[in-house]
Amino acid sequence: MLGDKDINKIINAVKEYNDLLQKSSVVMDRLAETKKQWDTLLSDRDTLRAESERMNRFIAQFKEDYQNFHARESQWVNSVADLHSRLQFMVDELNTIVSHHRQNSVEGSGVIH
């Protein structure tokens, strides 16, 4: 037969075992929750990576488009400057021709200035 001391030891051991089971259950629940959070973080990380790659492609395309635009703008500015200088030359030539024409018509009419 078991004495009172032995029975109390068994009862205490069973209580400890139950406490350990409860604590183990709590730890397992926390571990499962931590796993869910970890999986969510991994998913969020993958989403951020994909979004970052998309933004990098967008920025690279934007940079290329801007450089093309800037090149076209420079060509346009050069064309406008060239056109302006040519127009100025043509206006000067026209003024010279008109001036010569006036002088010739005045000389031919016999009018003295």
PDB file of N, CA and C in Angstrom:
ATOM      1  N   MET A   1       0.811  -1.185   0.000  1.00  0.00           N
ATOM      2  CA  MET A   1       0.000   0.000   0.000  1.00  0.00           C
ATOM      3  C   MET A   1       0.858   1.254   0.000  1.00  0.00           C
ATOM      4  N   LEU A   2       0.232   2.253  -0.570  1.00  0.00           N
ATOM      5  CA  LEU A   2       0.935   3.527  -0.649  1.00  0.00           C
ATOM      6  C   LEU A   2       0.557   4.378   0.560  1.00  0.00           C
ATOM      7  N   GLY A   3       1.551   5.065   1.040  1.00  0.00           N
ATOM      8  CA  GLY A   3       1.279   5.940   2.165  1.00  0.00           C
ATOM      9  C   GLY A   3       0.778   7.290   1.673  1.00  0.00           C
ATOM     10  N   ASP A   4       0.346   8.111   2.651  1.00  0.00           N
ATOM     11  CA  ASP A   4      -0.178   9.442   2.312  1.00  0.00           C
ATOM     12  C   ASP A   4       0.871  10.289   1.582  1.00  0.00           C
ATOM     13  N   LYS A   5       2.110  10.150   1.989  1.00  0.00           N
ATOM     14  CA  LYS A   5       3.177  10.913   1.344  1.00  0.00           C
ATOM     15  C   LYS A   5       3.307  10.530  -0.122  1.00  0.00           C
ATOM     16  N   ASP A   6       3.263   9.252  -0.398  1.00  0.00           N
ATOM     17  CA  ASP A   6       3.390   8.779  -1.781  1.00  0.00           C
ATOM     18  C   ASP A   6       2.199   9.220  -2.629  1.00  0.00           C
ATOM     19  N   ILE A   7       1.014   9.162  -2.029  1.00  0.00           N
ATOM     20  CA  ILE A   7      -0.194   9.582  -2.761  1.00  0.00           C
ATOM     21  C   ILE A   7      -0.117  11.078  -3.056  1.00  0.00           C
ATOM     22  N   ASN A   8       0.328  11.872  -2.076  1.00  0.00           N
ATOM     23  CA  ASN A   8       0.469  13.319  -2.292  1.00  0.00           C
ATOM     24  C   ASN A   8       1.500  13.596  -3.388  1.00  0.00           C
ATOM     25  N   LYS A   9       2.580  12.826  -3.417  1.00  0.00           N
ATOM     26  CA  LYS A   9       3.590  12.992  -4.465  1.00  0.00           C
ATOM     27  C   LYS A   9       2.988  12.696  -5.838  1.00  0.00           C
ATOM     28  N   ILE A  10       2.186  11.631  -5.910  1.00  0.00           N
ATOM     29  CA  ILE A  10       1.548  11.272  -7.192  1.00  0.00           C
ATOM     30  C   ILE A  10       0.572  12.365  -7.614  1.00  0.00           C
ATOM     31  N   ILE A  11      -0.218  12.845  -6.659  1.00  0.00           N
ATOM     32  CA  ILE A  11      -1.198  13.903  -6.964  1.00  0.00           C
ATOM     33  C   ILE A  11      -0.461  15.159  -7.436  1.00  0.00           C
ATOM     34  N   ASN A  12       0.606  15.517  -6.737  1.00  0.00           N
ATOM     35  CA  ASN A  12       1.388  16.697  -7.139  1.00  0.00           C
ATOM     36  C   ASN A  12       2.027  16.494  -8.513  1.00  0.00           C
ATOM     37  N   ALA A  13       2.498  15.272  -8.773  1.00  0.00           N
ATOM     38  CA  ALA A  13       3.090  14.976 -10.078  1.00  0.00           C
ATOM     39  C   ALA A  13       2.051  15.096 -11.185  1.00  0.00           C
ATOM     40  N   VAL A  14       0.830  14.612 -10.931  1.00  0.00           N
ATOM     41  CA  VAL A  14      -0.255  14.716 -11.917  1.00  0.00           C
ATOM     42  C   VAL A  14      -0.613  16.183 -12.138  1.00  0.00           C
ATOM     43  N   LYS A  15      -0.680  16.970 -11.047  1.00  0.00           N
ATOM     44  CA  LYS A  15      -0.975  18.405 -11.176  1.00  0.00           C
ATOM     45  C   LYS A  15       0.120  19.097 -11.996  1.00  0.00           C
ATOM     46  N   GLU A  16       1.363  18.777 -11.708  1.00  0.00           N
ATOM     47  CA  GLU A  16       2.481  19.351 -12.466  1.00  0.00           C
ATOM     48  C   GLU A  16       2.389  18.977 -13.939  1.00  0.00           C
ATOM     49  N   TYR A  17       2.037  17.703 -14.177  1.00  0.00           N
ATOM     50  CA  TYR A  17       1.894  17.227 -15.554  1.00  0.00           C
ATOM     51  C   TYR A  17       0.793  18.013 -16.265  1.00  0.00           C
ATOM     52  N   ASN A  18      -0.344  18.241 -15.586  1.00  0.00           N
ATOM     53  CA  ASN A  18      -1.445  19.025 -16.168  1.00  0.00           C
ATOM     54  C   ASN A  18      -0.999  20.461 -16.430  1.00  0.00           C
ATOM     55  N   ASP A  19      -0.271  21.042 -15.472  1.00  0.00           N
ATOM     56  CA  ASP A  19       0.246  22.401 -15.670  1.00  0.00           C
ATOM     57  C   ASP A  19       1.178  22.454 -16.882  1.00  0.00           C
ATOM     58  N   LEU A  20       2.047  21.460 -16.978  1.00  0.00           N
ATOM     59  CA  LEU A  20       2.962  21.407 -18.120  1.00  0.00           C
ATOM     60  C   LEU A  20       2.208  21.249 -19.435  1.00  0.00           C
ATOM     61  N   LEU A  21       1.150  20.435 -19.428  1.00  0.00           N
ATOM     62  CA  LEU A  21       0.328  20.278 -20.635  1.00  0.00           C
ATOM     63  C   LEU A  21      -0.323  21.599 -21.022  1.00  0.00           C
ATOM     64  N   GLN A  22      -0.850  22.330 -20.023  1.00  0.00           N
ATOM     65  CA  GLN A  22      -1.484  23.623 -20.302  1.00  0.00           C
ATOM     66  C   GLN A  22      -0.449  24.617 -20.840  1.00  0.00           C
ATOM     67  N   LYS A  23       0.714  24.654 -20.167  1.00  0.00           N
ATOM     68  CA  LYS A  23       1.770  25.562 -20.626  1.00  0.00           C
ATOM     69  C   LYS A  23       2.235  25.174 -22.027  1.00  0.00           C
ATOM     70  N   SER A  24       2.342  23.890 -22.261  1.00  0.00           N
ATOM     71  CA  SER A  24       2.737  23.405 -23.580  1.00  0.00           C
ATOM     72  C   SER A  24       1.707  23.810 -24.623  1.00  0.00           C
ATOM     73  N   SER A  25       0.440  23.724 -24.269  1.00  0.00           N
ATOM     74  CA  SER A  25      -0.632  24.119 -25.182  1.00  0.00           C
ATOM     75  C   SER A  25      -0.538  25.615 -25.489  1.00  0.00           C
ATOM     76  N   VAL A  26      -0.278  26.417 -24.439  1.00  0.00           N
ATOM     77  CA  VAL A  26      -0.138  27.864 -24.634  1.00  0.00           C
ATOM     78  C   VAL A  26       1.062  28.158 -25.541  1.00  0.00           C
ATOM     79  N   VAL A  27       2.171  27.465 -25.283  1.00  0.00           N
ATOM     80  CA  VAL A  27       3.370  27.654 -26.108  1.00  0.00           C
ATOM     81  C   VAL A  27       3.089  27.253 -27.551  1.00  0.00           C
ATOM     82  N   MET A  28       2.390  26.154 -27.756  1.00  0.00           N
ATOM     83  CA  MET A  28       2.056  25.707 -29.118  1.00  0.00           C
ATOM     84  C   MET A  28       1.151  26.724 -29.817  1.00  0.00           C
ATOM     85  N   ASP A  29       0.174  27.274 -29.055  1.00  0.00           N
ATOM     86  CA  ASP A  29      -0.699  28.302 -29.631  1.00  0.00           C
ATOM     87  C   ASP A  29       0.114  29.537 -30.029  1.00  0.00           C
ATOM     88  N   ARG A  30       1.021  29.952 -29.142  1.00  0.00           N
ATOM     89  CA  ARG A  30       1.868  31.110 -29.450  1.00  0.00           C
ATOM     90  C   ARG A  30       2.766  30.814 -30.650  1.00  0.00           C
ATOM     91  N   LEU A  31       3.281  29.609 -30.695  1.00  0.00           N
ATOM     92  CA  LEU A  31       4.129  29.216 -31.819  1.00  0.00           C
ATOM     93  C   LEU A  31       3.343  29.237 -33.129  1.00  0.00           C
ATOM     94  N   ALA A  32       2.103  28.738 -33.090  1.00  0.00           N
ATOM     95  CA  ALA A  32       1.260  28.749 -34.291  1.00  0.00           C
ATOM     96  C   ALA A  32       0.964  30.187 -34.721  1.00  0.00           C
ATOM     97  N   GLU A  33       0.678  31.063 -33.743  1.00  0.00           N
ATOM     98  CA  GLU A  33       0.413  32.465 -34.055  1.00  0.00           C
ATOM     99  C   GLU A  33       1.663  33.140 -34.623  1.00  0.00           C
ATOM    100  N   THR A  34       2.805  32.833 -34.038  1.00  0.00           N
ATOM    101  CA  THR A  34       4.066  33.379 -34.541  1.00  0.00           C
ATOM    102  C   THR A  34       4.330  32.899 -35.963  1.00  0.00           C
ATOM    103  N   LYS A  35       4.021  31.662 -36.242  1.00  0.00           N
ATOM    104  CA  LYS A  35       4.187  31.101 -37.598  1.00  0.00           C
ATOM    105  C   LYS A  35       3.290  31.842 -38.587  1.00  0.00           C
ATOM    106  N   LYS A  36       2.043  32.110 -38.177  1.00  0.00           N
ATOM    107  CA  LYS A  36       1.134  32.861 -39.051  1.00  0.00           C
ATOM    108  C   LYS A  36       1.690  34.259 -39.322  1.00  0.00           C
ATOM    109  N   GLN A  37       2.177  34.912 -38.255  1.00  0.00           N
ATOM    110  CA  GLN A  37       2.745  36.249 -38.426  1.00  0.00           C
ATOM    111  C   GLN A  37       3.969  36.200 -39.347  1.00  0.00           C
ATOM    112  N   TRP A  38       4.793  35.189 -39.170  1.00  0.00           N
ATOM    113  CA  TRP A  38       5.983  35.026 -40.011  1.00  0.00           C
ATOM    114  C   TRP A  38       5.584  34.845 -41.473  1.00  0.00           C
ATOM    115  N   ASP A  39       4.579  33.995 -41.703  1.00  0.00           N
ATOM    116  CA  ASP A  39       4.116  33.773 -43.075  1.00  0.00           C
ATOM    117  C   ASP A  39       3.569  35.061 -43.678  1.00  0.00           C
ATOM    118  N   THR A  40       2.851  35.838 -42.857  1.00  0.00           N
ATOM    119  CA  THR A  40       2.329  37.120 -43.325  1.00  0.00           C
ATOM    120  C   THR A  40       3.476  38.064 -43.675  1.00  0.00           C
ATOM    121  N   LEU A  41       4.493  38.095 -42.822  1.00  0.00           N
ATOM    122  CA  LEU A  41       5.657  38.940 -43.101  1.00  0.00           C
ATOM    123  C   LEU A  41       6.358  38.519 -44.392  1.00  0.00           C
ATOM    124  N   LEU A  42       6.489  37.219 -44.602  1.00  0.00           N
ATOM    125  CA  LEU A  42       7.112  36.733 -45.839  1.00  0.00           C
ATOM    126  C   LEU A  42       6.292  37.146 -47.057  1.00  0.00           C
ATOM    127  N   SER A  43       4.980  37.013 -46.931  1.00  0.00           N
ATOM    128  CA  SER A  43       4.098  37.404 -48.032  1.00  0.00           C
ATOM    129  C   SER A  43       4.208  38.909 -48.300  1.00  0.00           C
ATOM    130  N   ASP A  44       4.204  39.696 -47.217  1.00  0.00           N
ATOM    131  CA  ASP A  44       4.346  41.146 -47.370  1.00  0.00           C
ATOM    132  C   ASP A  44       5.692  41.497 -47.998  1.00  0.00           C
ATOM    133  N   ARG A  45       6.742  40.797 -47.591  1.00  0.00           N
ATOM    134  CA  ARG A  45       8.067  41.031 -48.160  1.00  0.00           C
ATOM    135  C   ARG A  45       8.058  40.751 -49.663  1.00  0.00           C
ATOM    136  N   ASP A  46       7.432  39.639 -50.051  1.00  0.00           N
ATOM    137  CA  ASP A  46       7.369  39.299 -51.473  1.00  0.00           C
ATOM    138  C   ASP A  46       6.579  40.346 -52.251  1.00  0.00           C
ATOM    139  N   THR A  47       5.490  40.821 -51.637  1.00  0.00           N
ATOM    140  CA  THR A  47       4.689  41.867 -52.275  1.00  0.00           C
ATOM    141  C   THR A  47       5.513  43.138 -52.441  1.00  0.00           C
ATOM    142  N   LEU A  48       6.247  43.508 -51.392  1.00  0.00           N
ATOM    143  CA  LEU A  48       7.096  44.702 -51.471  1.00  0.00           C
ATOM    144  C   LEU A  48       8.189  44.551 -52.523  1.00  0.00           C
ATOM    145  N   ARG A  49       8.767  43.374 -52.609  1.00  0.00           N
ATOM    146  CA  ARG A  49       9.792  43.144 -53.635  1.00  0.00           C
ATOM    147  C   ARG A  49       9.207  43.309 -55.032  1.00  0.00           C
ATOM    148  N   ALA A  50       8.045  42.705 -55.244  1.00  0.00           N
ATOM    149  CA  ALA A  50       7.410  42.802 -56.563  1.00  0.00           C
ATOM    150  C   ALA A  50       7.068  44.257 -56.882  1.00  0.00           C
ATOM    151  N   GLU A  51       6.540  44.976 -55.895  1.00  0.00           N
ATOM    152  CA  GLU A  51       6.182  46.379 -56.100  1.00  0.00           C
ATOM    153  C   GLU A  51       7.437  47.220 -56.344  1.00  0.00           C
ATOM    154  N   SER A  52       8.493  46.920 -55.620  1.00  0.00           N
ATOM    155  CA  SER A  52       9.758  47.632 -55.800  1.00  0.00           C
ATOM    156  C   SER A  52      10.312  47.393 -57.203  1.00  0.00           C
ATOM    157  N   GLU A  53      10.252  46.169 -57.671  1.00  0.00           N
ATOM    158  CA  GLU A  53      10.717  45.861 -59.030  1.00  0.00           C
ATOM    159  C   GLU A  53       9.873  46.587 -60.066  1.00  0.00           C
ATOM    160  N   ARG A  54       8.556  46.636 -59.843  1.00  0.00           N
ATOM    161  CA  ARG A  54       7.664  47.344 -60.761  1.00  0.00           C
ATOM    162  C   ARG A  54       8.019  48.835 -60.790  1.00  0.00           C
ATOM    163  N   MET A  55       8.255  49.397 -59.606  1.00  0.00           N
ATOM    164  CA  MET A  55       8.609  50.817 -59.541  1.00  0.00           C
ATOM    165  C   MET A  55       9.963  51.076 -60.196  1.00  0.00           C
ATOM    166  N   ASN A  56      10.916  50.166 -60.025  1.00  0.00           N
ATOM    167  CA  ASN A  56      12.222  50.328 -60.668  1.00  0.00           C
ATOM    168  C   ASN A  56      12.089  50.304 -62.184  1.00  0.00           C
ATOM    169  N   ARG A  57      11.232  49.404 -62.697  1.00  0.00           N
ATOM    170  CA  ARG A  57      11.002  49.372 -64.151  1.00  0.00           C
ATOM    171  C   ARG A  57      10.347  50.677 -64.608  1.00  0.00           C
ATOM    172  N   PHE A  58       9.374  51.158 -63.828  1.00  0.00           N
ATOM    173  CA  PHE A  58       8.687  52.404 -64.165  1.00  0.00           C
ATOM    174  C   PHE A  58       9.677  53.569 -64.190  1.00  0.00           C
ATOM    175  N   ILE A  59      10.532  53.641 -63.167  1.00  0.00           N
ATOM    176  CA  ILE A  59      11.510  54.728 -63.087  1.00  0.00           C
ATOM    177  C   ILE A  59      12.501  54.644 -64.247  1.00  0.00           C
ATOM    178  N   ALA A  60      12.944  53.436 -64.568  1.00  0.00           N
ATOM    179  CA  ALA A  60      13.874  53.267 -65.696  1.00  0.00           C
ATOM    180  C   ALA A  60      13.217  53.719 -66.999  1.00  0.00           C
ATOM    181  N   GLN A  61      11.946  53.352 -67.210  1.00  0.00           N
ATOM    182  CA  GLN A  61      11.232  53.764 -68.419  1.00  0.00           C
ATOM    183  C   GLN A  61      11.032  55.273 -68.430  1.00  0.00           C
ATOM    184  N   PHE A  62      10.693  55.828 -67.260  1.00  0.00           N
ATOM    185  CA  PHE A  62      10.508  57.276 -67.157  1.00  0.00           C
ATOM    186  C   PHE A  62      11.811  58.001 -67.497  1.00  0.00           C
ATOM    187  N   LYS A  63      12.926  57.493 -66.973  1.00  0.00           N
ATOM    188  CA  LYS A  63      14.236  58.094 -67.250  1.00  0.00           C
ATOM    189  C   LYS A  63      14.534  58.053 -68.749  1.00  0.00           C
ATOM    190  N   GLU A  64      14.272  56.902 -69.367  1.00  0.00           N
ATOM    191  CA  GLU A  64      14.505  56.769 -70.808  1.00  0.00           C
ATOM    192  C   GLU A  64      13.617  57.734 -71.591  1.00  0.00           C
ATOM    193  N   ASP A  65      12.336  57.805 -71.220  1.00  0.00           N
ATOM    194  CA  ASP A  65      11.418  58.720 -71.898  1.00  0.00           C
ATOM    195  C   ASP A  65      11.864  60.170 -71.727  1.00  0.00           C
ATOM    196  N   TYR A  66      12.308  60.506 -70.515  1.00  0.00           N
ATOM    197  CA  TYR A  66      12.768  61.873 -70.259  1.00  0.00           C
ATOM    198  C   TYR A  66      13.998  62.197 -71.102  1.00  0.00           C
ATOM    199  N   GLN A  67      14.938  61.261 -71.182  1.00  0.00           N
ATOM    200  CA  GLN A  67      16.140  61.493 -71.985  1.00  0.00           C
ATOM    201  C   GLN A  67      15.778  61.666 -73.457  1.00  0.00           C
ATOM    202  N   ASN A  68      14.843  60.846 -73.954  1.00  0.00           N
ATOM    203  CA  ASN A  68      14.391  60.995 -75.345  1.00  0.00           C
ATOM    204  C   ASN A  68      13.719  62.346 -75.551  1.00  0.00           C
ATOM    205  N   PHE A  69      12.877  62.727 -74.588  1.00  0.00           N
ATOM    206  CA  PHE A  69      12.204  64.024 -74.669  1.00  0.00           C
ATOM    207  C   PHE A  69      13.231  65.156 -74.673  1.00  0.00           C
ATOM    208  N   HIS A  70      14.211  65.054 -73.785  1.00  0.00           N
ATOM    209  CA  HIS A  70      15.240  66.094 -73.694  1.00  0.00           C
ATOM    210  C   HIS A  70      16.036  66.182 -75.000  1.00  0.00           C
ATOM    211  N   ALA A  71      16.343  65.037 -75.595  1.00  0.00           N
ATOM    212  CA  ALA A  71      17.069  65.035 -76.872  1.00  0.00           C
ATOM    213  C   ALA A  71      16.227  65.704 -77.956  1.00  0.00           C
ATOM    214  N   ARG A  72      14.927  65.367 -78.004  1.00  0.00           N
ATOM    215  CA  ARG A  72      14.046  65.987 -79.003  1.00  0.00           C
ATOM    216  C   ARG A  72      13.899  67.486 -78.748  1.00  0.00           C
ATOM    217  N   GLU A  73      13.814  67.850 -77.466  1.00  0.00           N
ATOM    218  CA  GLU A  73      13.703  69.267 -77.129  1.00  0.00           C
ATOM    219  C   GLU A  73      14.959  70.017 -77.574  1.00  0.00           C
ATOM    220  N   SER A  74      16.117  69.431 -77.354  1.00  0.00           N
ATOM    221  CA  SER A  74      17.373  70.062 -77.782  1.00  0.00           C
ATOM    222  C   SER A  74      17.402  70.218 -79.297  1.00  0.00           C
ATOM    223  N   GLN A  75      16.962  69.191 -80.022  1.00  0.00           N
ATOM    224  CA  GLN A  75      16.907  69.276 -81.483  1.00  0.00           C
ATOM    225  C   GLN A  75      15.958  70.392 -81.913  1.00  0.00           C
ATOM    226  N   TRP A  76      14.825  70.487 -81.226  1.00  0.00           N
ATOM    227  CA  TRP A  76      13.838  71.507 -81.562  1.00  0.00           C
ATOM    228  C   TRP A  76      14.408  72.898 -81.298  1.00  0.00           C
ATOM    229  N   VAL A  77      15.058  73.063 -80.140  1.00  0.00           N
ATOM    230  CA  VAL A  77      15.650  74.363 -79.807  1.00  0.00           C
ATOM    231  C   VAL A  77      16.708  74.732 -80.845  1.00  0.00           C
ATOM    232  N   ASN A  78      17.530  73.774 -81.228  1.00  0.00           N
ATOM    233  CA  ASN A  78      18.548  74.042 -82.252  1.00  0.00           C
ATOM    234  C   ASN A  78      17.901  74.391 -83.584  1.00  0.00           C
ATOM    235  N   SER A  79      16.817  73.688 -83.930  1.00  0.00           N
ATOM    236  CA  SER A  79      16.112  73.978 -85.186  1.00  0.00           C
ATOM    237  C   SER A  79      15.510  75.372 -85.157  1.00  0.00           C
ATOM    238  N   VAL A  80      14.922  75.733 -84.029  1.00  0.00           N
ATOM    239  CA  VAL A  80      14.325  77.069 -83.906  1.00  0.00           C
ATOM    240  C   VAL A  80      15.411  78.137 -83.986  1.00  0.00           C
ATOM    241  N   ALA A  81      16.533  77.904 -83.317  1.00  0.00           N
ATOM    242  CA  ALA A  81      17.640  78.875 -83.369  1.00  0.00           C
ATOM    243  C   ALA A  81      18.167  78.999 -84.795  1.00  0.00           C
ATOM    244  N   ASP A  82      18.298  77.873 -85.490  1.00  0.00           N
ATOM    245  CA  ASP A  82      18.769  77.884 -86.874  1.00  0.00           C
ATOM    246  C   ASP A  82      17.766  78.612 -87.761  1.00  0.00           C
ATOM    247  N   LEU A  83      16.489  78.323 -87.566  1.00  0.00           N
ATOM    248  CA  LEU A  83      15.444  78.986 -88.338  1.00  0.00           C
ATOM    249  C   LEU A  83      15.472  80.487 -88.080  1.00  0.00           C
ATOM    250  N   HIS A  84      15.646  80.875 -86.838  1.00  0.00           N
ATOM    251  CA  HIS A  84      15.693  82.292 -86.496  1.00  0.00           C
ATOM    252  C   HIS A  84      16.859  82.985 -87.201  1.00  0.00           C
ATOM    253  N   SER A  85      18.026  82.354 -87.161  1.00  0.00           N
ATOM    254  CA  SER A  85      19.187  82.982 -87.823  1.00  0.00           C
ATOM    255  C   SER A  85      18.978  83.032 -89.335  1.00  0.00           C
ATOM    256  N   ARG A  86      18.371  82.008 -89.916  1.00  0.00           N
ATOM    257  CA  ARG A  86      18.114  82.019 -91.365  1.00  0.00           C
ATOM    258  C   ARG A  86      17.090  83.091 -91.721  1.00  0.00           C
ATOM    259  N   LEU A  87      16.049  83.213 -90.891  1.00  0.00           N
ATOM    260  CA  LEU A  87      15.045  84.250 -91.156  1.00  0.00           C
ATOM    261  C   LEU A  87      15.671  85.636 -91.053  1.00  0.00           C
ATOM    262  N   GLN A  88      16.527  85.823 -90.058  1.00  0.00           N
ATOM    263  CA  GLN A  88      17.200  87.116 -89.907  1.00  0.00           C
ATOM    264  C   GLN A  88      18.052  87.416 -91.141  1.00  0.00           C
ATOM    265  N   PHE A  89      18.757  86.395 -91.625  1.00  0.00           N
ATOM    266  CA  PHE A  89      19.567  86.554 -92.835  1.00  0.00           C
ATOM    267  C   PHE A  89      18.675  86.915 -94.019  1.00  0.00           C
ATOM    268  N   MET A  90      17.535  86.222 -94.144  1.00  0.00           N
ATOM    269  CA  MET A  90      16.627  86.482 -95.270  1.00  0.00           C
ATOM    270  C   MET A  90      16.035  87.889 -95.176  1.00  0.00           C
ATOM    271  N   VAL A  91      15.700  88.329 -93.977  1.00  0.00           N
ATOM    272  CA  VAL A  91      15.169  89.689 -93.804  1.00  0.00           C
ATOM    273  C   VAL A  91      16.236  90.713 -94.186  1.00  0.00           C
ATOM    274  N   ASP A  92      17.464  90.480 -93.758  1.00  0.00           N
ATOM    275  CA  ASP A  92      18.559  91.392 -94.119  1.00  0.00           C
ATOM    276  C   ASP A  92      18.756  91.428 -95.633  1.00  0.00           C
ATOM    277  N   GLU A  93      18.725  90.266 -96.263  1.00  0.00           N
ATOM    278  CA  GLU A  93      18.871  90.206 -97.727  1.00  0.00           C
ATOM    279  C   GLU A  93      17.728  90.946 -98.418  1.00  0.00           C
ATOM    280  N   LEU A  94      16.516  90.727 -97.917  1.00  0.00           N
ATOM    281  CA  LEU A  94      15.353  91.403 -98.503  1.00  0.00           C
ATOM    282  C   LEU A  94      15.479  92.918 -98.339  1.00  0.00           C
ATOM    283  N   ASN A  95      15.915  93.365 -97.181  1.00  0.00           N
ATOM    284  CA  ASN A  95      16.114  94.809 -96.964  1.00  0.00           C
ATOM    285  C   ASN A  95      17.169  95.361 -97.915  1.00  0.00           C
ATOM    286  N   THR A  96      18.227  94.598 -98.137  1.00  0.00           N
ATOM    287  CA  THR A  96      19.276  95.024 -99.068  1.00  0.00           C
ATOM    288  C   THR A  96      18.715  95.130-100.483  1.00  0.00           C
ATOM    289  N   ILE A  97      17.947  94.128-100.898  1.00  0.00           N
ATOM    290  CA  ILE A  97      17.353  94.141-102.250  1.00  0.00           C
ATOM    291  C   ILE A  97      16.403  95.311-102.405  1.00  0.00           C
ATOM    292  N   VAL A  98      15.552  95.520-101.390  1.00  0.00           N
ATOM    293  CA  VAL A  98      14.600  96.637-101.450  1.00  0.00           C
ATOM    294  C   VAL A  98      15.355  97.960-101.496  1.00  0.00           C
ATOM    295  N   SER A  99      16.399  98.058-100.703  1.00  0.00           N
ATOM    296  CA  SER A  99      17.199  99.289-100.679  1.00  0.00           C
ATOM    297  C   SER A  99      17.836  99.541-102.044  1.00  0.00           C
ATOM    298  N   HIS A 100      18.413  98.506-102.659  1.00  0.00           N
ATOM    299  CA  HIS A 100      19.001  98.653-104.000  1.00  0.00           C
ATOM    300  C   HIS A 100      17.925  99.005-105.019  1.00  0.00           C
ATOM    301  N   HIS A 101      16.775  98.393-104.905  1.00  0.00           N
ATOM    302  CA  HIS A 101      15.691  98.662-105.847  1.00  0.00           C
ATOM    303  C   HIS A 101      15.243 100.121-105.743  1.00  0.00           C
ATOM    304  N   ARG A 102      15.167 100.625-104.521  1.00  0.00           N
ATOM    305  CA  ARG A 102      14.763 102.022-104.328  1.00  0.00           C
ATOM    306  C   ARG A 102      15.817 102.963-104.922  1.00  0.00           C
ATOM    307  N   GLN A 103      17.069 102.625-104.685  1.00  0.00           N
ATOM    308  CA  GLN A 103      18.133 103.480-105.225  1.00  0.00           C
ATOM    309  C   GLN A 103      18.106 103.477-106.747  1.00  0.00           C
ATOM    310  N   ASN A 104      17.908 102.300-107.326  1.00  0.00           N
ATOM    311  CA  ASN A 104      17.870 102.214-108.791  1.00  0.00           C
ATOM    312  C   ASN A 104      16.658 102.938-109.355  1.00  0.00           C
ATOM    313  N   SER A 105      15.526 102.825-108.683  1.00  0.00           N
ATOM    314  CA  SER A 105      14.332 103.488-109.209  1.00  0.00           C
ATOM    315  C   SER A 105      14.428 104.995-109.023  1.00  0.00           C
ATOM    316  N   VAL A 106      15.085 105.445-107.976  1.00  0.00           N
ATOM    317  CA  VAL A 106      15.259 106.885-107.767  1.00  0.00           C
ATOM    318  C   VAL A 106      16.245 107.438-108.789  1.00  0.00           C
ATOM    319  N   GLU A 107      17.329 106.722-109.064  1.00  0.00           N
ATOM    320  CA  GLU A 107      18.322 107.166-110.039  1.00  0.00           C
ATOM    321  C   GLU A 107      17.725 107.185-111.446  1.00  0.00           C
ATOM    322  N   GLY A 108      16.892 106.233-111.735  1.00  0.00           N
ATOM    323  CA  GLY A 108      16.296 106.156-113.065  1.00  0.00           C
ATOM    324  C   GLY A 108      15.214 107.199-113.278  1.00  0.00           C
ATOM    325  N   SER A 109      14.623 107.724-112.236  1.00  0.00           N
ATOM    326  CA  SER A 109      13.542 108.687-112.390  1.00  0.00           C
ATOM    327  C   SER A 109      14.062 110.107-112.521  1.00  0.00           C
ATOM    328  N   GLY A 110      15.329 110.309-112.285  1.00  0.00           N
ATOM    329  CA  GLY A 110      15.903 111.637-112.414  1.00  0.00           C
ATOM    330  C   GLY A 110      15.670 112.504-111.202  1.00  0.00           C
ATOM    331  N   VAL A 111      15.150 111.969-110.154  1.00  0.00           N
ATOM    332  CA  VAL A 111      14.912 112.755-108.939  1.00  0.00           C
ATOM    333  C   VAL A 111      16.206 112.810-108.152  1.00  0.00           C
ATOM    334  N   ILE A 112      16.545 113.989-107.697  1.00  0.00           N
ATOM    335  CA  ILE A 112      17.774 114.154-106.924  1.00  0.00           C
ATOM    336  C   ILE A 112      17.414 114.249-105.456  1.00  0.00           C
ATOM    337  N   HIS A 113      18.193 113.571-104.666  1.00  0.00           N
ATOM    338  CA  HIS A 113      17.947 113.589-103.215  1.00  0.00           C
ATOM    339  C   HIS A 113      19.036 114.312-102.531  1.00  0.00           C
TER     340      HIS A 113
END
